[in-house]
Amino acid sequence: MRYFAVVVSSILMCGSSLASSVNAATLPELAEALNTRFDVMKDVAGYKAANHLPVEDLPREKKVLLKAQSAARDAMLDPPSIDAFVQTQMAISKNIQYRYLDRWRLQPEKAWQPRPLKEVRAQILQLDNTILNLISRQILTGGGFGEEQDRMLARLLDDKQISDLEKAQLIDALGKIKRRQ
């Protein structure tokens, strides 16, 4: 019986160690994908500025949300549980676009051109799918999103693109995402 207890204890410790290593790997990947998604907003803002389009595009946002819900199903996430996260991500993305437009009104960038919108949207879709898969992996193998993971993610998110308040809102919405049953 003592031998059995030692074996079970060892297995649990190894499993815990494995989960920690997966956790440590997933969060930097998630932060990198989110940071890249927010970086791409410069191209979106540039396209909208060049074509005199508004930042807010509610029909497009609806399409993005529907695609995200479909991708959530594929990633084994509960689709309704991602809504707040996706909407927060889009709100932050719009804020970033507004900040670029304000900056450019004061000081236009002369040597820069936005990438084609079709290319940018394809990259955003790929990033959104990656983000949802990483969230699913974090919930499944990394124990989800607790205070330690929230602090780590807040440190890893790019301060140049998003404010502390936006980080807190994004992380709060992230904590509401659930795996599909």
Foldseek 3Di string as FASTA:
>chain_A
DVVVVVVVVVVVVVLVVVLQVLLVVLLLVLQVLLQVLLVLLLLVLQVCVVVVHQLDDVVVLVVVLVLLLVLLVVLQWHSVLCVQLSVLSSVLSSVLSVVSVVVCVVPNDDPDHRDDPVVSVVSNSVSSSVNSNSQSCCVPRNVHDDPVSLVVNLVSHDCVRGPSVSSVSNSVSSRRIGGHD
